[in-house]
């Protein structure tokens, strides 16, 4: 009933973590900080082990649920896996962020950076899960 390829799920969660390190590091750190009204010093005030640990755990939950969606669809292949993941990101995650950011009156640049992260992350998680066969 719950046959899950845990190696694939962990690999997908790790891929999301890798994208986050690049996305919010060398690629978009400075514009993200500006749009969020932070400096590098204020951003580093959080408890990094807790933030990174919980972030990985949440990515693990996302990868697990995505794997469950694939399991319900049967053998879908790599391309279909990526398309489903993109559908989840574009159809659910990005609009949810958009609603929250509208009411919080956050900057469009912040939304664009964060939405882009989730689209890329889910596409990669879909690719990893699809490559492992879900």
N, C-alpha and C. Protein backbone atom coordinates (compact mmCIF):
# COMPACT_ATOMS: atom_id res chain seq x y z
N UNK A 1 0.82 -1.19 0.00
CA UNK A 1 0.00 0.00 0.00
C UNK A 1 0.86 1.26 0.00
N UNK A 2 1.83 1.38 0.87
CA UNK A 2 2.66 2.57 0.98
C UNK A 2 4.06 2.29 0.48
N UNK A 3 4.19 1.57 -0.63
CA UNK A 3 5.54 1.28 -1.12
C UNK A 3 6.14 2.55 -1.71
N UNK A 4 7.09 3.06 -0.99
CA UNK A 4 7.74 4.31 -1.38
C UNK A 4 9.22 4.04 -1.58
N UNK A 5 9.77 4.59 -2.62
CA UNK A 5 11.21 4.52 -2.84
C UNK A 5 11.83 5.65 -2.01
N UNK A 6 12.24 5.30 -0.80
CA UNK A 6 12.74 6.31 0.13
C UNK A 6 14.05 6.94 -0.35
N UNK A 7 14.83 6.19 -1.10
CA UNK A 7 16.06 6.78 -1.65
C UNK A 7 15.69 7.91 -2.61
N UNK A 8 14.66 7.67 -3.44
CA UNK A 8 14.21 8.70 -4.37
C UNK A 8 13.64 9.91 -3.62
N UNK A 9 12.88 9.66 -2.57
CA UNK A 9 12.28 10.76 -1.80
C UNK A 9 13.37 11.60 -1.14
N UNK A 10 14.34 10.95 -0.52
CA UNK A 10 15.44 11.68 0.12
C UNK A 10 16.26 12.43 -0.93
N UNK A 11 16.51 11.78 -2.07
CA UNK A 11 17.27 12.45 -3.13
C UNK A 11 16.51 13.67 -3.66
N UNK A 12 15.20 13.56 -3.79
CA UNK A 12 14.39 14.69 -4.24
C UNK A 12 14.43 15.83 -3.22
N UNK A 13 14.34 15.48 -1.94
CA UNK A 13 14.41 16.50 -0.89
C UNK A 13 15.78 17.16 -0.89
N UNK A 14 16.82 16.38 -1.07
CA UNK A 14 18.17 16.94 -1.14
C UNK A 14 18.33 17.85 -2.35
N UNK A 15 17.70 17.48 -3.46
CA UNK A 15 17.79 18.33 -4.66
C UNK A 15 17.13 19.68 -4.40
N UNK A 16 16.03 19.68 -3.66
CA UNK A 16 15.37 20.94 -3.31
C UNK A 16 16.28 21.79 -2.42
N UNK A 17 16.96 21.12 -1.52
CA UNK A 17 17.89 21.80 -0.62
C UNK A 17 19.05 22.40 -1.42
N UNK A 18 19.53 21.67 -2.41
CA UNK A 18 20.61 22.15 -3.28
C UNK A 18 20.16 23.38 -4.07
N UNK A 19 18.96 23.32 -4.64
CA UNK A 19 18.44 24.47 -5.39
C UNK A 19 18.34 25.68 -4.46
N UNK A 20 17.86 25.47 -3.24
CA UNK A 20 17.75 26.56 -2.29
C UNK A 20 19.10 27.20 -1.99
N UNK A 21 20.13 26.38 -1.85
CA UNK A 21 21.46 26.91 -1.59
C UNK A 21 21.98 27.76 -2.72
N UNK A 22 21.69 27.36 -3.94
CA UNK A 22 22.11 28.14 -5.10
C UNK A 22 21.21 29.36 -5.31
N UNK A 23 19.91 29.13 -5.21
CA UNK A 23 18.92 30.18 -5.50
C UNK A 23 19.05 31.36 -4.53
N UNK A 24 19.09 31.02 -3.24
CA UNK A 24 19.16 32.06 -2.21
C UNK A 24 20.59 32.34 -1.79
N UNK A 25 21.53 31.86 -2.57
CA UNK A 25 22.94 32.13 -2.37
C UNK A 25 23.45 32.98 -3.52
N UNK A 26 24.30 32.39 -4.35
CA UNK A 26 24.93 33.19 -5.41
C UNK A 26 23.96 33.74 -6.46
N UNK A 27 22.84 33.08 -6.70
CA UNK A 27 21.96 33.55 -7.77
C UNK A 27 21.11 34.76 -7.39
N UNK A 28 20.43 34.70 -6.25
CA UNK A 28 19.45 35.75 -5.93
C UNK A 28 19.53 36.29 -4.51
N UNK A 29 20.60 36.03 -3.79
CA UNK A 29 20.66 36.47 -2.39
C UNK A 29 20.47 37.98 -2.26
N UNK A 30 21.25 38.76 -2.99
CA UNK A 30 21.19 40.22 -2.82
C UNK A 30 19.83 40.80 -3.22
N UNK A 31 19.26 40.43 -4.37
CA UNK A 31 17.93 40.99 -4.68
C UNK A 31 16.85 40.49 -3.71
N UNK A 32 16.99 39.23 -3.24
CA UNK A 32 16.02 38.71 -2.28
C UNK A 32 16.09 39.47 -0.97
N UNK A 33 17.29 39.72 -0.48
CA UNK A 33 17.46 40.48 0.76
C UNK A 33 16.88 41.89 0.61
N UNK A 34 17.18 42.54 -0.51
CA UNK A 34 16.64 43.89 -0.76
C UNK A 34 15.12 43.89 -0.77
N UNK A 35 14.55 42.95 -1.51
CA UNK A 35 13.09 42.88 -1.62
C UNK A 35 12.44 42.52 -0.29
N UNK A 36 13.17 41.82 0.55
CA UNK A 36 12.66 41.40 1.86
C UNK A 36 12.99 42.41 2.95
N UNK A 37 13.70 43.47 2.59
CA UNK A 37 14.05 44.51 3.55
C UNK A 37 15.07 44.05 4.59
N UNK A 38 15.98 43.19 4.17
CA UNK A 38 16.99 42.66 5.08
C UNK A 38 18.39 42.96 4.56
N UNK A 39 19.33 42.78 5.47
CA UNK A 39 20.75 42.80 5.10
C UNK A 39 21.29 41.40 5.38
N UNK A 40 22.51 41.14 4.92
CA UNK A 40 23.10 39.83 5.21
C UNK A 40 23.23 39.61 6.71
N UNK A 41 23.50 40.68 7.44
CA UNK A 41 23.66 40.56 8.90
C UNK A 41 22.33 40.20 9.56
N UNK A 42 21.24 40.86 9.18
CA UNK A 42 19.94 40.55 9.80
C UNK A 42 19.46 39.16 9.39
N UNK A 43 19.78 38.75 8.16
CA UNK A 43 19.35 37.43 7.70
C UNK A 43 20.05 36.31 8.44
N UNK A 44 21.24 36.57 8.95
CA UNK A 44 22.02 35.54 9.64
C UNK A 44 21.69 35.43 11.12
N UNK A 45 20.73 36.22 11.61
CA UNK A 45 20.41 36.21 13.03
C UNK A 45 19.60 35.00 13.46
N UNK A 46 19.01 34.29 12.52
CA UNK A 46 18.24 33.10 12.87
C UNK A 46 19.14 31.96 13.30
N UNK A 47 18.55 30.94 13.87
CA UNK A 47 19.29 29.75 14.31
C UNK A 47 19.43 28.81 13.12
N UNK A 48 20.58 28.87 12.45
CA UNK A 48 20.80 28.15 11.18
C UNK A 48 20.53 26.65 11.27
N UNK A 49 21.00 25.92 12.28
CA UNK A 49 20.71 24.48 12.30
C UNK A 49 19.20 24.19 12.33
N UNK A 50 18.46 24.96 13.07
CA UNK A 50 17.01 24.77 13.13
C UNK A 50 16.37 25.09 11.79
N UNK A 51 16.76 26.22 11.21
CA UNK A 51 16.19 26.63 9.93
C UNK A 51 16.49 25.61 8.85
N UNK A 52 17.75 25.19 8.74
CA UNK A 52 18.12 24.23 7.70
C UNK A 52 17.51 22.85 7.96
N UNK A 53 17.51 22.44 9.22
CA UNK A 53 16.94 21.13 9.56
C UNK A 53 15.45 21.06 9.27
N UNK A 54 14.71 22.08 9.69
CA UNK A 54 13.27 22.09 9.43
C UNK A 54 12.97 22.28 7.95
N UNK A 55 13.79 23.06 7.26
CA UNK A 55 13.61 23.22 5.81
C UNK A 55 13.78 21.89 5.09
N UNK A 56 14.80 21.13 5.49
CA UNK A 56 14.99 19.82 4.86
C UNK A 56 13.80 18.91 5.18
N UNK A 57 13.33 18.93 6.41
CA UNK A 57 12.18 18.11 6.80
C UNK A 57 10.95 18.47 5.98
N UNK A 58 10.71 19.75 5.78
CA UNK A 58 9.56 20.18 4.98
C UNK A 58 9.72 19.78 3.51
N UNK A 59 10.94 19.86 2.98
CA UNK A 59 11.19 19.39 1.62
C UNK A 59 10.99 17.88 1.52
N UNK A 60 11.33 17.17 2.57
CA UNK A 60 11.11 15.73 2.61
C UNK A 60 9.61 15.41 2.56
N UNK A 61 8.81 16.17 3.29
CA UNK A 61 7.36 15.99 3.24
C UNK A 61 6.85 16.25 1.83
N UNK A 62 7.31 17.32 1.20
CA UNK A 62 6.88 17.63 -0.17
C UNK A 62 7.26 16.52 -1.14
N UNK A 63 8.48 16.03 -1.03
CA UNK A 63 8.93 14.95 -1.93
C UNK A 63 8.12 13.68 -1.69
N UNK A 64 7.81 13.39 -0.44
CA UNK A 64 7.01 12.22 -0.10
C UNK A 64 5.61 12.32 -0.72
N UNK A 65 4.97 13.47 -0.56
CA UNK A 65 3.63 13.65 -1.10
C UNK A 65 3.66 13.60 -2.63
N UNK A 66 4.66 14.19 -3.23
CA UNK A 66 4.80 14.11 -4.68
C UNK A 66 4.96 12.66 -5.13
N UNK A 67 5.75 11.90 -4.41
CA UNK A 67 5.92 10.47 -4.72
C UNK A 67 4.59 9.73 -4.59
N UNK A 68 3.77 10.12 -3.62
CA UNK A 68 2.45 9.49 -3.47
C UNK A 68 1.54 9.82 -4.65
N UNK A 69 1.62 11.05 -5.13
CA UNK A 69 0.83 11.42 -6.31
C UNK A 69 1.25 10.57 -7.49
N UNK A 70 2.54 10.38 -7.66
CA UNK A 70 3.02 9.54 -8.76
C UNK A 70 2.57 8.09 -8.60
N UNK A 71 2.61 7.60 -7.39
CA UNK A 71 2.20 6.23 -7.12
C UNK A 71 0.74 6.02 -7.54
N UNK A 72 -0.09 7.01 -7.32
CA UNK A 72 -1.50 6.91 -7.69
C UNK A 72 -1.69 6.87 -9.20
N UNK A 73 -0.75 7.46 -9.94
CA UNK A 73 -0.86 7.51 -11.40
C UNK A 73 -0.19 6.32 -12.10
N UNK A 74 0.51 5.49 -11.37
CA UNK A 74 1.19 4.36 -11.99
C UNK A 74 2.51 4.77 -12.59
N UNK A 75 3.00 4.00 -13.54
CA UNK A 75 4.29 4.26 -14.17
C UNK A 75 4.14 5.42 -15.14
N UNK A 76 4.62 6.60 -14.76
CA UNK A 76 4.37 7.79 -15.56
C UNK A 76 5.56 8.26 -16.37
N UNK A 77 6.75 7.84 -16.02
CA UNK A 77 7.93 8.25 -16.77
C UNK A 77 8.45 9.62 -16.36
N UNK A 78 9.63 9.93 -16.85
CA UNK A 78 10.35 11.14 -16.46
C UNK A 78 9.62 12.43 -16.89
N UNK A 79 9.23 12.51 -18.15
CA UNK A 79 8.59 13.73 -18.66
C UNK A 79 7.29 14.02 -17.92
N UNK A 80 6.47 13.01 -17.76
CA UNK A 80 5.19 13.17 -17.06
C UNK A 80 5.42 13.54 -15.60
N UNK A 81 6.45 12.98 -15.00
CA UNK A 81 6.80 13.29 -13.62
C UNK A 81 7.13 14.77 -13.45
N UNK A 82 7.92 15.29 -14.37
CA UNK A 82 8.28 16.71 -14.32
C UNK A 82 7.04 17.58 -14.55
N UNK A 83 6.20 17.21 -15.50
CA UNK A 83 5.00 17.99 -15.79
C UNK A 83 4.04 18.02 -14.61
N UNK A 84 3.86 16.90 -13.94
CA UNK A 84 2.99 16.86 -12.76
C UNK A 84 3.57 17.74 -11.66
N UNK A 85 4.87 17.66 -11.44
CA UNK A 85 5.51 18.48 -10.41
C UNK A 85 5.36 19.96 -10.74
N UNK A 86 5.55 20.32 -12.00
CA UNK A 86 5.35 21.71 -12.41
C UNK A 86 3.90 22.14 -12.21
N UNK A 87 2.97 21.24 -12.49
CA UNK A 87 1.55 21.54 -12.26
C UNK A 87 1.26 21.80 -10.80
N UNK A 88 1.87 21.02 -9.91
CA UNK A 88 1.69 21.24 -8.48
C UNK A 88 2.26 22.60 -8.09
N UNK A 89 3.46 22.90 -8.57
CA UNK A 89 4.10 24.18 -8.21
C UNK A 89 3.31 25.37 -8.76
N UNK A 90 3.00 25.32 -10.06
CA UNK A 90 2.34 26.45 -10.71
C UNK A 90 0.86 26.54 -10.32
N UNK A 91 0.25 25.40 -10.06
CA UNK A 91 -1.18 25.38 -9.75
C UNK A 91 -1.53 25.55 -8.28
N UNK A 92 -0.60 25.22 -7.39
CA UNK A 92 -0.91 25.27 -5.96
C UNK A 92 0.05 26.14 -5.16
N UNK A 93 1.35 25.87 -5.30
CA UNK A 93 2.34 26.55 -4.45
C UNK A 93 2.44 28.03 -4.80
N UNK A 94 2.66 28.33 -6.07
CA UNK A 94 2.85 29.73 -6.49
C UNK A 94 1.60 30.56 -6.22
N UNK A 95 0.40 30.09 -6.55
CA UNK A 95 -0.78 30.90 -6.22
C UNK A 95 -0.95 31.12 -4.71
N UNK A 96 -0.63 30.11 -3.90
CA UNK A 96 -0.73 30.28 -2.45
C UNK A 96 0.23 31.36 -1.96
N UNK A 97 1.45 31.33 -2.47
CA UNK A 97 2.41 32.39 -2.14
C UNK A 97 1.88 33.73 -2.62
N UNK A 98 1.33 33.77 -3.83
CA UNK A 98 0.82 35.02 -4.38
C UNK A 98 -0.26 35.63 -3.50
N UNK A 99 -1.19 34.83 -3.04
CA UNK A 99 -2.25 35.34 -2.17
C UNK A 99 -1.66 35.89 -0.88
N UNK A 100 -0.76 35.12 -0.26
CA UNK A 100 -0.12 35.58 0.98
C UNK A 100 0.65 36.87 0.77
N UNK A 101 1.39 36.94 -0.33
CA UNK A 101 2.21 38.12 -0.59
C UNK A 101 1.35 39.34 -0.90
N UNK A 102 0.22 39.15 -1.56
CA UNK A 102 -0.69 40.26 -1.83
C UNK A 102 -1.21 40.86 -0.52
N UNK A 103 -1.69 40.00 0.37
CA UNK A 103 -2.24 40.50 1.63
C UNK A 103 -1.16 41.05 2.55
N UNK A 104 0.05 40.50 2.47
CA UNK A 104 1.16 41.01 3.28
C UNK A 104 1.79 42.24 2.64
N UNK A 105 1.33 42.59 1.43
CA UNK A 105 1.84 43.73 0.66
C UNK A 105 3.36 43.63 0.46
N UNK A 106 3.79 42.42 0.12
CA UNK A 106 5.20 42.21 -0.17
C UNK A 106 5.49 42.61 -1.61
N UNK A 107 6.74 42.86 -1.87
CA UNK A 107 7.17 43.34 -3.19
C UNK A 107 7.05 42.25 -4.25
N UNK A 108 6.75 42.69 -5.46
CA UNK A 108 6.64 41.78 -6.60
C UNK A 108 7.97 41.06 -6.84
N UNK A 109 9.09 41.75 -6.63
CA UNK A 109 10.40 41.12 -6.83
C UNK A 109 10.59 39.94 -5.88
N UNK A 110 10.14 40.08 -4.64
CA UNK A 110 10.24 38.99 -3.67
C UNK A 110 9.39 37.80 -4.11
N UNK A 111 8.17 38.10 -4.57
CA UNK A 111 7.30 37.04 -5.07
C UNK A 111 7.94 36.33 -6.26
N UNK A 112 8.49 37.09 -7.19
CA UNK A 112 9.09 36.50 -8.39
C UNK A 112 10.25 35.58 -8.02
N UNK A 113 11.09 36.00 -7.09
CA UNK A 113 12.23 35.17 -6.68
C UNK A 113 11.74 33.91 -6.00
N UNK A 114 10.82 34.05 -5.05
CA UNK A 114 10.33 32.89 -4.31
C UNK A 114 9.52 31.95 -5.20
N UNK A 115 8.68 32.50 -6.06
CA UNK A 115 7.89 31.67 -6.98
C UNK A 115 8.81 30.91 -7.94
N UNK A 116 9.82 31.60 -8.45
CA UNK A 116 10.78 30.94 -9.34
C UNK A 116 11.49 29.79 -8.65
N UNK A 117 11.84 30.01 -7.38
CA UNK A 117 12.49 28.94 -6.62
C UNK A 117 11.60 27.71 -6.56
N UNK A 118 10.32 27.91 -6.24
CA UNK A 118 9.44 26.74 -6.10
C UNK A 118 9.17 26.06 -7.44
N UNK A 119 9.11 26.81 -8.50
CA UNK A 119 8.91 26.19 -9.82
C UNK A 119 10.11 25.34 -10.19
N UNK A 120 11.31 25.89 -10.02
CA UNK A 120 12.53 25.14 -10.33
C UNK A 120 12.67 23.94 -9.39
N UNK A 121 12.40 24.15 -8.12
CA UNK A 121 12.53 23.08 -7.12
C UNK A 121 11.61 21.92 -7.44
N UNK A 122 10.35 22.22 -7.72
CA UNK A 122 9.42 21.12 -8.01
C UNK A 122 9.75 20.42 -9.33
N UNK A 123 10.20 21.18 -10.32
CA UNK A 123 10.62 20.54 -11.57
C UNK A 123 11.76 19.57 -11.32
N UNK A 124 12.72 19.99 -10.50
CA UNK A 124 13.86 19.12 -10.20
C UNK A 124 13.44 17.93 -9.34
N UNK A 125 12.58 18.17 -8.34
CA UNK A 125 12.09 17.03 -7.55
C UNK A 125 11.34 16.05 -8.43
N UNK A 126 10.55 16.56 -9.36
CA UNK A 126 9.84 15.69 -10.29
C UNK A 126 10.81 14.89 -11.15
N UNK A 127 11.88 15.55 -11.59
CA UNK A 127 12.90 14.86 -12.41
C UNK A 127 13.60 13.78 -11.61
N UNK A 128 13.94 14.08 -10.36
CA UNK A 128 14.63 13.09 -9.52
C UNK A 128 13.71 11.91 -9.26
N UNK A 129 12.47 12.18 -8.85
CA UNK A 129 11.54 11.09 -8.59
C UNK A 129 11.26 10.29 -9.86
N UNK A 130 11.12 10.99 -10.98
CA UNK A 130 10.88 10.30 -12.24
C UNK A 130 12.06 9.45 -12.66
N UNK A 131 13.27 9.94 -12.43
CA UNK A 131 14.47 9.18 -12.79
C UNK A 131 14.59 7.91 -11.95
N UNK A 132 14.14 7.99 -10.70
CA UNK A 132 14.17 6.82 -9.82
C UNK A 132 12.96 5.94 -10.01
N UNK A 133 12.01 6.39 -10.82
CA UNK A 133 10.79 5.61 -11.00
C UNK A 133 9.78 5.87 -9.89
N UNK A 134 9.85 7.06 -9.28
CA UNK A 134 8.87 7.45 -8.27
C UNK A 134 9.28 7.01 -6.93
